Protein backbone atom coordinates (compact mmCIF):
# COMPACT_ATOMS: atom_id res chain seq x y z
CA MET A 1 -0.06 0.12 -0.07
CA ALA A 2 3.08 2.52 0.64
CA PHE A 3 3.82 1.98 -2.68
CA ALA A 4 0.46 3.37 -4.33
CA THR A 5 0.51 6.43 -1.83
CA ALA A 6 4.39 6.95 -2.90
CA ALA A 7 3.41 6.65 -6.67
CA ALA A 8 0.45 9.35 -6.18
CA ALA A 9 2.80 11.81 -4.43
CA HIS A 10 4.83 11.60 -7.51
CA THR A 11 2.34 12.46 -10.32
CA ARG A 12 2.92 15.35 -12.22
CA PRO A 13 -0.35 17.69 -12.73
CA GLN A 14 -1.48 17.27 -16.27
CA ILE A 15 -2.76 20.48 -17.97
CA SER A 16 -3.51 20.34 -21.79
CA SER A 17 -1.12 21.59 -24.30
CA SER A 18 -3.71 23.35 -26.34
CA ALA A 19 -5.44 24.67 -23.59
CA ALA A 20 -4.94 28.34 -24.68
CA PRO A 21 -8.09 30.19 -23.52
CA SER A 22 -10.36 31.76 -26.10
CA THR A 23 -13.00 34.23 -25.97
CA THR A 24 -15.76 31.90 -26.03
CA THR A 25 -14.55 29.40 -24.01
CA SER A 26 -17.25 28.78 -21.11
CA ARG A 27 -16.41 30.01 -17.40
CA SER A 28 -15.93 25.96 -16.04
CA SER A 29 -13.09 25.65 -18.50
CA GLU A 30 -11.53 28.81 -17.20
CA ASP A 31 -12.01 27.73 -13.98
CA ARG A 32 -10.60 24.22 -14.99
CA LEU A 33 -7.38 26.15 -17.00
CA LEU A 34 -6.98 28.24 -13.78
CA ALA A 35 -7.01 25.23 -11.23
CA GLN A 36 -4.25 23.60 -13.66
CA LYS A 37 -2.16 26.35 -14.10
CA ARG A 38 -2.20 26.71 -9.77
CA ALA A 39 -1.28 23.17 -10.12
CA MET A 40 1.78 23.33 -12.16
CA ILE A 41 2.85 26.42 -10.26
CA ALA A 42 2.50 24.46 -6.92
CA ALA A 43 4.51 21.84 -8.78
CA LEU A 44 7.09 23.66 -9.44
CA ASN A 45 7.11 25.34 -6.04
CA GLU A 46 7.58 22.38 -4.23
CA HIS A 47 10.10 20.73 -6.39
CA ARG A 48 8.06 18.02 -8.06
CA ILE A 49 9.09 19.18 -11.67
CA ASN A 50 12.58 18.70 -11.86
CA THR A 51 14.30 17.39 -14.74
CA ILE A 52 15.13 19.64 -17.99
CA GLY A 53 12.35 17.60 -20.03
CA GLU A 54 9.45 18.27 -17.59
CA LEU A 55 10.58 21.94 -17.15
CA ARG A 56 10.30 22.11 -20.99
CA ARG A 57 6.79 20.53 -21.08
CA VAL A 58 5.74 22.99 -18.16
CA GLU A 59 7.20 25.85 -20.13
CA ARG A 60 5.36 25.35 -23.39
CA ILE A 61 2.06 24.90 -21.86
CA PHE A 62 2.63 27.90 -19.78
CA ALA A 63 3.23 29.99 -23.48
CA THR A 64 0.17 28.97 -24.72
CA LEU A 65 -1.55 30.13 -21.79
CA GLY A 66 -0.06 33.80 -22.16
CA SER A 67 0.21 34.07 -18.62
CA PRO A 68 2.98 36.78 -17.00
CA ASP A 69 2.62 35.32 -13.49
CA VAL A 70 4.29 32.32 -14.12
CA THR A 71 7.44 33.74 -14.56
CA GLN A 72 8.63 33.55 -11.36
CA PRO A 73 8.04 29.97 -10.36
CA MET A 74 9.86 28.81 -13.72
CA THR A 75 12.70 31.16 -12.88
CA ALA A 76 12.86 29.71 -9.59
CA ALA A 77 12.74 26.27 -11.04
CA CYS A 78 15.46 26.48 -13.63
CA THR A 79 18.06 28.35 -11.12
CA ARG A 80 17.66 25.86 -8.16
């Protein structure tokens, strides 16, 4: 049982790479995108994303979102 718990603790948050919000996006979709972005930022801050490949994946996702509030967590993750 400890293995399942440990494996669950290391799962990375998923966000669609085609998740760029549009003007026709419904409120629930916007809420979901915001929750996913917060989960990715939390994963960066908690050092759960720690390989170059994972950082590049997150960087590409954040680039599609076009949100400036992800700069600090990305910079911190790359400089540790």
